[in-house]
Amino acid sequence: MIDFDQLDKTIHEKSRLSIMTLLSTRGEWAFQDLKYDLGMSDGNLITHLRTLAAAGYVQETRDDTGPRPRTTYAVTPAGTKAFKSYVDILELIVKTINPG
């Protein structure tokens, strides 16, 4: 029996799942690149990034050395572990539906 309570509610929201998927598969990303690829507004994206950062799943890095400040985000080790657990539960759900 699948324990759906194990699904991490922080990651489960669609936008945060998208962010975690991109950052987990591609490494560090600039805020503007995330915004472009996800089609999200500045306010919406920063809200979800702050939620993920508060959970310890993503880390922000600011670079103020160039002509324009650049902020990048990357998944932390805790975020990697949480995302893997989330995906493992999804795989269990898929295997339950398609046992063959």
PDB file of N, CA and C in Angstrom:
ATOM      1  N   MET A   1       0.845  -1.186   0.000  1.00  0.00           N
ATOM      2  CA  MET A   1       0.000   0.000   0.000  1.00  0.00           C
ATOM      3  C   MET A   1       0.885   1.242   0.000  1.00  0.00           C
ATOM      4  N   ILE A   2       0.543   2.168  -0.858  1.00  0.00           N
ATOM      5  CA  ILE A   2       1.312   3.412  -0.968  1.00  0.00           C
ATOM      6  C   ILE A   2       0.877   4.372   0.133  1.00  0.00           C
ATOM      7  N   ASP A   3       1.845   4.928   0.821  1.00  0.00           N
ATOM      8  CA  ASP A   3       1.559   5.936   1.842  1.00  0.00           C
ATOM      9  C   ASP A   3       1.690   7.324   1.196  1.00  0.00           C
ATOM     10  N   PHE A   4       0.558   7.848   0.767  1.00  0.00           N
ATOM     11  CA  PHE A   4       0.569   9.130   0.068  1.00  0.00           C
ATOM     12  C   PHE A   4       0.980  10.287   0.977  1.00  0.00           C
ATOM     13  N   ASP A   5       0.941  10.082   2.273  1.00  0.00           N
ATOM     14  CA  ASP A   5       1.405  11.123   3.193  1.00  0.00           C
ATOM     15  C   ASP A   5       2.909  11.347   3.070  1.00  0.00           C
ATOM     16  N   GLN A   6       3.609  10.409   2.454  1.00  0.00           N
ATOM     17  CA  GLN A   6       5.050  10.565   2.266  1.00  0.00           C
ATOM     18  C   GLN A   6       5.394  11.533   1.132  1.00  0.00           C
ATOM     19  N   LEU A   7       4.383  11.882   0.306  1.00  0.00           N
ATOM     20  CA  LEU A   7       4.646  12.869  -0.744  1.00  0.00           C
ATOM     21  C   LEU A   7       4.923  14.214  -0.090  1.00  0.00           C
ATOM     22  N   ASP A   8       6.069  14.780  -0.389  1.00  0.00           N
ATOM     23  CA  ASP A   8       6.503  16.045   0.195  1.00  0.00           C
ATOM     24  C   ASP A   8       5.638  17.178  -0.360  1.00  0.00           C
ATOM     25  N   LYS A   9       4.837  17.785   0.496  1.00  0.00           N
ATOM     26  CA  LYS A   9       3.914  18.828   0.053  1.00  0.00           C
ATOM     27  C   LYS A   9       4.657  20.075  -0.435  1.00  0.00           C
ATOM     28  N   THR A  10       5.867  20.281   0.043  1.00  0.00           N
ATOM     29  CA  THR A  10       6.649  21.430  -0.427  1.00  0.00           C
ATOM     30  C   THR A  10       7.004  21.259  -1.899  1.00  0.00           C
ATOM     31  N   ILE A  11       7.360  20.064  -2.290  1.00  0.00           N
ATOM     32  CA  ILE A  11       7.733  19.794  -3.680  1.00  0.00           C
ATOM     33  C   ILE A  11       6.499  19.553  -4.545  1.00  0.00           C
ATOM     34  N   HIS A  12       5.435  19.025  -3.981  1.00  0.00           N
ATOM     35  CA  HIS A  12       4.298  18.544  -4.746  1.00  0.00           C
ATOM     36  C   HIS A  12       3.574  19.631  -5.550  1.00  0.00           C
ATOM     37  N   GLU A  13       3.624  20.874  -5.133  1.00  0.00           N
ATOM     38  CA  GLU A  13       2.962  21.943  -5.882  1.00  0.00           C
ATOM     39  C   GLU A  13       3.604  22.038  -7.270  1.00  0.00           C
ATOM     40  N   LYS A  14       2.788  22.211  -8.312  1.00  0.00           N
ATOM     41  CA  LYS A  14       3.260  22.140  -9.698  1.00  0.00           C
ATOM     42  C   LYS A  14       4.474  23.036  -9.989  1.00  0.00           C
ATOM     43  N   SER A  15       4.429  24.268  -9.590  1.00  0.00           N
ATOM     44  CA  SER A  15       5.537  25.182  -9.892  1.00  0.00           C
ATOM     45  C   SER A  15       6.806  24.764  -9.168  1.00  0.00           C
ATOM     46  N   ARG A  16       6.677  24.355  -7.903  1.00  0.00           N
ATOM     47  CA  ARG A  16       7.871  23.935  -7.160  1.00  0.00           C
ATOM     48  C   ARG A  16       8.417  22.618  -7.712  1.00  0.00           C
ATOM     49  N   LEU A  17       7.524  21.728  -8.152  1.00  0.00           N
ATOM     50  CA  LEU A  17       7.982  20.486  -8.789  1.00  0.00           C
ATOM     51  C   LEU A  17       8.752  20.808 -10.066  1.00  0.00           C
ATOM     52  N   SER A  18       8.269  21.780 -10.832  1.00  0.00           N
ATOM     53  CA  SER A  18       8.973  22.196 -12.054  1.00  0.00           C
ATOM     54  C   SER A  18      10.347  22.754 -11.730  1.00  0.00           C
ATOM     55  N   ILE A  19      10.420  23.608 -10.730  1.00  0.00           N
ATOM     56  CA  ILE A  19      11.697  24.194 -10.333  1.00  0.00           C
ATOM     57  C   ILE A  19      12.662  23.103  -9.881  1.00  0.00           C
ATOM     58  N   MET A  20      12.208  22.222  -9.011  1.00  0.00           N
ATOM     59  CA  MET A  20      13.073  21.155  -8.503  1.00  0.00           C
ATOM     60  C   MET A  20      13.541  20.236  -9.629  1.00  0.00           C
ATOM     61  N   THR A  21      12.660  19.954 -10.597  1.00  0.00           N
ATOM     62  CA  THR A  21      13.037  19.097 -11.716  1.00  0.00           C
ATOM     63  C   THR A  21      14.127  19.759 -12.551  1.00  0.00           C
ATOM     64  N   LEU A  22      13.938  21.036 -12.875  1.00  0.00           N
ATOM     65  CA  LEU A  22      14.951  21.735 -13.673  1.00  0.00           C
ATOM     66  C   LEU A  22      16.282  21.822 -12.934  1.00  0.00           C
ATOM     67  N   LEU A  23      16.232  22.248 -11.686  1.00  0.00           N
ATOM     68  CA  LEU A  23      17.484  22.404 -10.940  1.00  0.00           C
ATOM     69  C   LEU A  23      18.167  21.059 -10.678  1.00  0.00           C
ATOM     70  N   SER A  24      17.390  20.016 -10.467  1.00  0.00           N
ATOM     71  CA  SER A  24      17.977  18.695 -10.202  1.00  0.00           C
ATOM     72  C   SER A  24      18.618  18.090 -11.437  1.00  0.00           C
ATOM     73  N   THR A  25      18.078  18.408 -12.603  1.00  0.00           N
ATOM     74  CA  THR A  25      18.595  17.786 -13.824  1.00  0.00           C
ATOM     75  C   THR A  25      19.650  18.628 -14.516  1.00  0.00           C
ATOM     76  N   ARG A  26      19.677  19.932 -14.232  1.00  0.00           N
ATOM     77  CA  ARG A  26      20.597  20.794 -14.974  1.00  0.00           C
ATOM     78  C   ARG A  26      21.576  21.560 -14.090  1.00  0.00           C
ATOM     79  N   GLY A  27      21.489  21.402 -12.789  1.00  0.00           N
ATOM     80  CA  GLY A  27      22.418  22.104 -11.907  1.00  0.00           C
ATOM     81  C   GLY A  27      22.006  23.532 -11.647  1.00  0.00           C
ATOM     82  N   GLU A  28      22.984  24.396 -11.428  1.00  0.00           N
ATOM     83  CA  GLU A  28      22.742  25.789 -11.064  1.00  0.00           C
ATOM     84  C   GLU A  28      22.135  26.565 -12.231  1.00  0.00           C
ATOM     85  N   TRP A  29      21.102  27.383 -11.902  1.00  0.00           N
ATOM     86  CA  TRP A  29      20.431  28.173 -12.945  1.00  0.00           C
ATOM     87  C   TRP A  29      20.257  29.592 -12.472  1.00  0.00           C
ATOM     88  N   ALA A  30      20.343  30.523 -13.419  1.00  0.00           N
ATOM     89  CA  ALA A  30      20.082  31.930 -13.133  1.00  0.00           C
ATOM     90  C   ALA A  30      18.581  32.165 -13.015  1.00  0.00           C
ATOM     91  N   PHE A  31      18.221  33.129 -12.179  1.00  0.00           N
ATOM     92  CA  PHE A  31      16.811  33.450 -11.977  1.00  0.00           C
ATOM     93  C   PHE A  31      16.114  33.736 -13.307  1.00  0.00           C
ATOM     94  N   GLN A  32      16.733  34.542 -14.151  1.00  0.00           N
ATOM     95  CA  GLN A  32      16.106  34.917 -15.422  1.00  0.00           C
ATOM     96  C   GLN A  32      15.912  33.705 -16.334  1.00  0.00           C
ATOM     97  N   ASP A  33      16.835  32.758 -16.312  1.00  0.00           N
ATOM     98  CA  ASP A  33      16.692  31.549 -17.128  1.00  0.00           C
ATOM     99  C   ASP A  33      15.547  30.673 -16.610  1.00  0.00           C
ATOM    100  N   LEU A  34      15.450  30.547 -15.289  1.00  0.00           N
ATOM    101  CA  LEU A  34      14.326  29.795 -14.711  1.00  0.00           C
ATOM    102  C   LEU A  34      13.008  30.454 -15.094  1.00  0.00           C
ATOM    103  N   LYS A  35      12.968  31.750 -14.963  1.00  0.00           N
ATOM    104  CA  LYS A  35      11.745  32.510 -15.283  1.00  0.00           C
ATOM    105  C   LYS A  35      11.332  32.269 -16.733  1.00  0.00           C
ATOM    106  N   TYR A  36      12.304  32.341 -17.647  1.00  0.00           N
ATOM    107  CA  TYR A  36      12.019  32.153 -19.068  1.00  0.00           C
ATOM    108  C   TYR A  36      11.539  30.722 -19.350  1.00  0.00           C
ATOM    109  N   ASP A  37      12.260  29.737 -18.868  1.00  0.00           N
ATOM    110  CA  ASP A  37      11.914  28.338 -19.168  1.00  0.00           C
ATOM    111  C   ASP A  37      10.605  27.899 -18.527  1.00  0.00           C
ATOM    112  N   LEU A  38      10.291  28.442 -17.369  1.00  0.00           N
ATOM    113  CA  LEU A  38       9.072  28.030 -16.682  1.00  0.00           C
ATOM    114  C   LEU A  38       7.881  28.923 -17.026  1.00  0.00           C
ATOM    115  N   GLY A  39       8.131  30.040 -17.679  1.00  0.00           N
ATOM    116  CA  GLY A  39       7.034  30.939 -18.058  1.00  0.00           C
ATOM    117  C   GLY A  39       6.342  31.538 -16.845  1.00  0.00           C
ATOM    118  N   MET A  40       7.109  31.821 -15.826  1.00  0.00           N
ATOM    119  CA  MET A  40       6.534  32.348 -14.590  1.00  0.00           C
ATOM    120  C   MET A  40       6.870  33.834 -14.442  1.00  0.00           C
ATOM    121  N   SER A  41       6.032  34.550 -13.705  1.00  0.00           N
ATOM    122  CA  SER A  41       6.311  35.955 -13.407  1.00  0.00           C
ATOM    123  C   SER A  41       7.406  36.029 -12.349  1.00  0.00           C
ATOM    124  N   ASP A  42       8.033  37.208 -12.225  1.00  0.00           N
ATOM    125  CA  ASP A  42       9.060  37.394 -11.191  1.00  0.00           C
ATOM    126  C   ASP A  42       8.505  37.063  -9.804  1.00  0.00           C
ATOM    127  N   GLY A  43       7.335  37.623  -9.496  1.00  0.00           N
ATOM    128  CA  GLY A  43       6.746  37.443  -8.167  1.00  0.00           C
ATOM    129  C   GLY A  43       6.404  35.997  -7.862  1.00  0.00           C
ATOM    130  N   ASN A  44       5.832  35.321  -8.858  1.00  0.00           N
ATOM    131  CA  ASN A  44       5.459  33.921  -8.657  1.00  0.00           C
ATOM    132  C   ASN A  44       6.695  33.056  -8.459  1.00  0.00           C
ATOM    133  N   LEU A  45       7.702  33.270  -9.309  1.00  0.00           N
ATOM    134  CA  LEU A  45       8.923  32.455  -9.214  1.00  0.00           C
ATOM    135  C   LEU A  45       9.639  32.686  -7.887  1.00  0.00           C
ATOM    136  N   ILE A  46       9.794  33.950  -7.493  1.00  0.00           N
ATOM    137  CA  ILE A  46      10.532  34.214  -6.257  1.00  0.00           C
ATOM    138  C   ILE A  46       9.782  33.656  -5.048  1.00  0.00           C
ATOM    139  N   THR A  47       8.462  33.688  -5.087  1.00  0.00           N
ATOM    140  CA  THR A  47       7.678  33.124  -3.977  1.00  0.00           C
ATOM    141  C   THR A  47       7.960  31.626  -3.826  1.00  0.00           C
ATOM    142  N   HIS A  48       7.959  30.914  -4.938  1.00  0.00           N
ATOM    143  CA  HIS A  48       8.215  29.470  -4.869  1.00  0.00           C
ATOM    144  C   HIS A  48       9.672  29.170  -4.511  1.00  0.00           C
ATOM    145  N   LEU A  49      10.592  29.980  -5.028  1.00  0.00           N
ATOM    146  CA  LEU A  49      11.999  29.772  -4.674  1.00  0.00           C
ATOM    147  C   LEU A  49      12.226  30.020  -3.182  1.00  0.00           C
ATOM    148  N   ARG A  50      11.568  31.014  -2.634  1.00  0.00           N
ATOM    149  CA  ARG A  50      11.698  31.280  -1.198  1.00  0.00           C
ATOM    150  C   ARG A  50      11.121  30.136  -0.366  1.00  0.00           C
ATOM    151  N   THR A  51      10.016  29.564  -0.825  1.00  0.00           N
ATOM    152  CA  THR A  51       9.438  28.415  -0.116  1.00  0.00           C
ATOM    153  C   THR A  51      10.414  27.245  -0.126  1.00  0.00           C
ATOM    154  N   LEU A  52      11.010  26.984  -1.289  1.00  0.00           N
ATOM    155  CA  LEU A  52      11.979  25.886  -1.391  1.00  0.00           C
ATOM    156  C   LEU A  52      13.237  26.183  -0.572  1.00  0.00           C
ATOM    157  N   ALA A  53      13.656  27.443  -0.550  1.00  0.00           N
ATOM    158  CA  ALA A  53      14.833  27.824   0.245  1.00  0.00           C
ATOM    159  C   ALA A  53      14.539  27.690   1.739  1.00  0.00           C
ATOM    160  N   ALA A  54      13.335  28.077   2.160  1.00  0.00           N
ATOM    161  CA  ALA A  54      12.965  27.963   3.576  1.00  0.00           C
ATOM    162  C   ALA A  54      12.968  26.503   4.032  1.00  0.00           C
ATOM    163  N   ALA A  55      12.650  25.592   3.109  1.00  0.00           N
ATOM    164  CA  ALA A  55      12.677  24.158   3.423  1.00  0.00           C
ATOM    165  C   ALA A  55      14.097  23.602   3.366  1.00  0.00           C
ATOM    166  N   GLY A  56      15.032  24.421   2.888  1.00  0.00           N
ATOM    167  CA  GLY A  56      16.422  23.965   2.774  1.00  0.00           C
ATOM    168  C   GLY A  56      16.684  23.187   1.500  1.00  0.00           C
ATOM    169  N   TYR A  57      15.787  23.309   0.515  1.00  0.00           N
ATOM    170  CA  TYR A  57      15.911  22.519  -0.712  1.00  0.00           C
ATOM    171  C   TYR A  57      16.695  23.229  -1.816  1.00  0.00           C
ATOM    172  N   VAL A  58      16.714  24.555  -1.817  1.00  0.00           N
ATOM    173  CA  VAL A  58      17.496  25.283  -2.812  1.00  0.00           C
ATOM    174  C   VAL A  58      18.322  26.351  -2.104  1.00  0.00           C
ATOM    175  N   GLN A  59      19.406  26.729  -2.758  1.00  0.00           N
ATOM    176  CA  GLN A  59      20.296  27.749  -2.220  1.00  0.00           C
ATOM    177  C   GLN A  59      20.472  28.843  -3.266  1.00  0.00           C
ATOM    178  N   GLU A  60      20.404  30.084  -2.801  1.00  0.00           N
ATOM    179  CA  GLU A  60      20.573  31.247  -3.671  1.00  0.00           C
ATOM    180  C   GLU A  60      22.019  31.733  -3.585  1.00  0.00           C
ATOM    181  N   THR A  61      22.572  32.110  -4.739  1.00  0.00           N
ATOM    182  CA  THR A  61      23.896  32.709  -4.783  1.00  0.00           C
ATOM    183  C   THR A  61      23.806  34.001  -5.590  1.00  0.00           C
ATOM    184  N   ARG A  62      24.275  35.094  -4.997  1.00  0.00           N
ATOM    185  CA  ARG A  62      24.255  36.395  -5.690  1.00  0.00           C
ATOM    186  C   ARG A  62      25.668  36.760  -6.125  1.00  0.00           C
ATOM    187  N   ASP A  63      25.772  37.236  -7.357  1.00  0.00           N
ATOM    188  CA  ASP A  63      27.046  37.705  -7.899  1.00  0.00           C
ATOM    189  C   ASP A  63      26.869  39.168  -8.289  1.00  0.00           C
ATOM    190  N   ASP A  64      27.479  40.058  -7.539  1.00  0.00           N
ATOM    191  CA  ASP A  64      27.358  41.496  -7.793  1.00  0.00           C
ATOM    192  C   ASP A  64      28.602  42.060  -8.458  1.00  0.00           C
ATOM    193  N   THR A  65      29.458  41.218  -9.027  1.00  0.00           N
ATOM    194  CA  THR A  65      30.721  41.700  -9.579  1.00  0.00           C
ATOM    195  C   THR A  65      30.576  42.267 -10.994  1.00  0.00           C
ATOM    196  N   GLY A  66      29.568  41.858 -11.739  1.00  0.00           N
ATOM    197  CA  GLY A  66      29.406  42.324 -13.113  1.00  0.00           C
ATOM    198  C   GLY A  66      28.604  43.609 -13.181  1.00  0.00           C
ATOM    199  N   PRO A  67      28.323  44.042 -14.402  1.00  0.00           N
ATOM    200  CA  PRO A  67      27.539  45.269 -14.566  1.00  0.00           C
ATOM    201  C   PRO A  67      26.120  45.145 -14.015  1.00  0.00           C
ATOM    202  N   ARG A  68      25.595  43.933 -14.003  1.00  0.00           N
ATOM    203  CA  ARG A  68      24.259  43.696 -13.450  1.00  0.00           C
ATOM    204  C   ARG A  68      24.355  42.548 -12.450  1.00  0.00           C
ATOM    205  N   PRO A  69      23.699  42.693 -11.316  1.00  0.00           N
ATOM    206  CA  PRO A  69      23.702  41.575 -10.347  1.00  0.00           C
ATOM    207  C   PRO A  69      23.074  40.329 -10.968  1.00  0.00           C
ATOM    208  N   ARG A  70      23.609  39.174 -10.596  1.00  0.00           N
ATOM    209  CA  ARG A  70      23.094  37.913 -11.135  1.00  0.00           C
ATOM    210  C   ARG A  70      22.834  36.983  -9.964  1.00  0.00           C
ATOM    211  N   THR A  71      21.629  36.455  -9.906  1.00  0.00           N
ATOM    212  CA  THR A  71      21.252  35.530  -8.845  1.00  0.00           C
ATOM    213  C   THR A  71      21.010  34.160  -9.458  1.00  0.00           C
ATOM    214  N   THR A  72      21.674  33.163  -8.874  1.00  0.00           N
ATOM    215  CA  THR A  72      21.491  31.801  -9.361  1.00  0.00           C
ATOM    216  C   THR A  72      20.977  30.926  -8.223  1.00  0.00           C
ATOM    217  N   TYR A  73      20.387  29.820  -8.600  1.00  0.00           N
ATOM    218  CA  TYR A  73      19.815  28.882  -7.633  1.00  0.00           C
ATOM    219  C   TYR A  73      20.305  27.473  -7.952  1.00  0.00           C
ATOM    220  N   ALA A  74      20.500  26.693  -6.907  1.00  0.00           N
ATOM    221  CA  ALA A  74      20.920  25.302  -7.055  1.00  0.00           C
ATOM    222  C   ALA A  74      20.261  24.476  -5.961  1.00  0.00           C
ATOM    223  N   VAL A  75      20.075  23.214  -6.230  1.00  0.00           N
ATOM    224  CA  VAL A  75      19.499  22.302  -5.249  1.00  0.00           C
ATOM    225  C   VAL A  75      20.565  21.968  -4.206  1.00  0.00           C
ATOM    226  N   THR A  76      20.178  21.990  -2.954  1.00  0.00           N
ATOM    227  CA  THR A  76      21.082  21.628  -1.860  1.00  0.00           C
ATOM    228  C   THR A  76      21.111  20.097  -1.709  1.00  0.00           C
ATOM    229  N   PRO A  77      22.055  19.572  -0.942  1.00  0.00           N
ATOM    230  CA  PRO A  77      22.027  18.120  -0.681  1.00  0.00           C
ATOM    231  C   PRO A  77      20.693  17.665  -0.049  1.00  0.00           C
ATOM    232  N   ALA A  78      20.141  18.474   0.853  1.00  0.00           N
ATOM    233  CA  ALA A  78      18.836  18.117   1.444  1.00  0.00           C
ATOM    234  C   ALA A  78      17.749  18.123   0.382  1.00  0.00           C
ATOM    235  N   GLY A  79      17.835  19.065  -0.563  1.00  0.00           N
ATOM    236  CA  GLY A  79      16.866  19.120  -1.660  1.00  0.00           C
ATOM    237  C   GLY A  79      16.982  17.923  -2.577  1.00  0.00           C
ATOM    238  N   THR A  80      18.218  17.510  -2.840  1.00  0.00           N
ATOM    239  CA  THR A  80      18.436  16.330  -3.672  1.00  0.00           C
ATOM    240  C   THR A  80      17.829  15.095  -3.020  1.00  0.00           C
ATOM    241  N   LYS A  81      18.055  14.954  -1.719  1.00  0.00           N
ATOM    242  CA  LYS A  81      17.507  13.798  -0.994  1.00  0.00           C
ATOM    243  C   LYS A  81      15.978  13.835  -0.996  1.00  0.00           C
ATOM    244  N   ALA A  82      15.392  15.006  -0.744  1.00  0.00           N
ATOM    245  CA  ALA A  82      13.925  15.134  -0.708  1.00  0.00           C
ATOM    246  C   ALA A  82      13.331  14.880  -2.089  1.00  0.00           C
ATOM    247  N   PHE A  83      13.985  15.400  -3.132  1.00  0.00           N
ATOM    248  CA  PHE A  83      13.469  15.211  -4.486  1.00  0.00           C
ATOM    249  C   PHE A  83      13.552  13.741  -4.890  1.00  0.00           C
ATOM    250  N   LYS A  84      14.644  13.054  -4.529  1.00  0.00           N
ATOM    251  CA  LYS A  84      14.774  11.624  -4.844  1.00  0.00           C
ATOM    252  C   LYS A  84      13.680  10.826  -4.138  1.00  0.00           C
ATOM    253  N   SER A  85      13.412  11.146  -2.882  1.00  0.00           N
ATOM    254  CA  SER A  85      12.343  10.445  -2.154  1.00  0.00           C
ATOM    255  C   SER A  85      11.000  10.688  -2.817  1.00  0.00           C
ATOM    256  N   TYR A  86      10.773  11.919  -3.257  1.00  0.00           N
ATOM    257  CA  TYR A  86       9.517  12.266  -3.940  1.00  0.00           C
ATOM    258  C   TYR A  86       9.369  11.442  -5.227  1.00  0.00           C
ATOM    259  N   VAL A  87      10.436  11.405  -6.024  1.00  0.00           N
ATOM    260  CA  VAL A  87      10.400  10.659  -7.287  1.00  0.00           C
ATOM    261  C   VAL A  87      10.235   9.163  -7.025  1.00  0.00           C
ATOM    262  N   ASP A  88      10.862   8.643  -5.968  1.00  0.00           N
ATOM    263  CA  ASP A  88      10.719   7.222  -5.627  1.00  0.00           C
ATOM    264  C   ASP A  88       9.259   6.871  -5.354  1.00  0.00           C
ATOM    265  N   ILE A  89       8.543   7.753  -4.683  1.00  0.00           N
ATOM    266  CA  ILE A  89       7.130   7.494  -4.408  1.00  0.00           C
ATOM    267  C   ILE A  89       6.331   7.540  -5.711  1.00  0.00           C
ATOM    268  N   LEU A  90       6.649   8.494  -6.579  1.00  0.00           N
ATOM    269  CA  LEU A  90       5.965   8.546  -7.874  1.00  0.00           C
ATOM    270  C   LEU A  90       6.215   7.272  -8.669  1.00  0.00           C
ATOM    271  N   GLU A  91       7.445   6.765  -8.631  1.00  0.00           N
ATOM    272  CA  GLU A  91       7.760   5.514  -9.334  1.00  0.00           C
ATOM    273  C   GLU A  91       6.965   4.352  -8.752  1.00  0.00           C
ATOM    274  N   LEU A  92       6.805   4.338  -7.435  1.00  0.00           N
ATOM    275  CA  LEU A  92       6.011   3.282  -6.798  1.00  0.00           C
ATOM    276  C   LEU A  92       4.558   3.350  -7.266  1.00  0.00           C
ATOM    277  N   ILE A  93       4.034   4.560  -7.402  1.00  0.00           N
ATOM    278  CA  ILE A  93       2.665   4.739  -7.894  1.00  0.00           C
ATOM    279  C   ILE A  93       2.555   4.202  -9.320  1.00  0.00           C
ATOM    280  N   VAL A  94       3.518   4.544 -10.171  1.00  0.00           N
ATOM    281  CA  VAL A  94       3.486   4.085 -11.564  1.00  0.00           C
ATOM    282  C   VAL A  94       3.582   2.563 -11.622  1.00  0.00           C
ATOM    283  N   LYS A  95       4.450   1.963 -10.805  1.00  0.00           N
ATOM    284  CA  LYS A  95       4.588   0.503 -10.791  1.00  0.00           C
ATOM    285  C   LYS A  95       3.317  -0.166 -10.299  1.00  0.00           C
ATOM    286  N   THR A  96       2.587   0.486  -9.409  1.00  0.00           N
ATOM    287  CA  THR A  96       1.338  -0.075  -8.914  1.00  0.00           C
ATOM    288  C   THR A  96       0.284  -0.086 -10.019  1.00  0.00           C
ATOM    289  N   ILE A  97       0.298   0.983 -10.817  1.00  0.00           N
ATOM    290  CA  ILE A  97      -0.669   1.089 -11.911  1.00  0.00           C
ATOM    291  C   ILE A  97      -0.290   0.172 -13.063  1.00  0.00           C
ATOM    292  N   ASN A  98       1.014   0.093 -13.383  1.00  0.00           N
ATOM    293  CA  ASN A  98       1.528  -0.719 -14.485  1.00  0.00           C
ATOM    294  C   ASN A  98       2.516  -1.750 -13.940  1.00  0.00           C
ATOM    295  N   PRO A  99       2.015  -2.833 -13.336  1.00  0.00           N
ATOM    296  CA  PRO A  99       2.925  -3.783 -12.681  1.00  0.00           C
ATOM    297  C   PRO A  99       3.857  -4.517 -13.642  1.00  0.00           C
ATOM    298  N   GLY A 100       3.524  -4.601 -14.910  1.00  0.00           N
ATOM    299  CA  GLY A 100       4.349  -5.374 -15.837  1.00  0.00           C
ATOM    300  C   GLY A 100       5.503  -4.636 -16.297  1.00  0.00           C
TER     301      GLY A 100
END
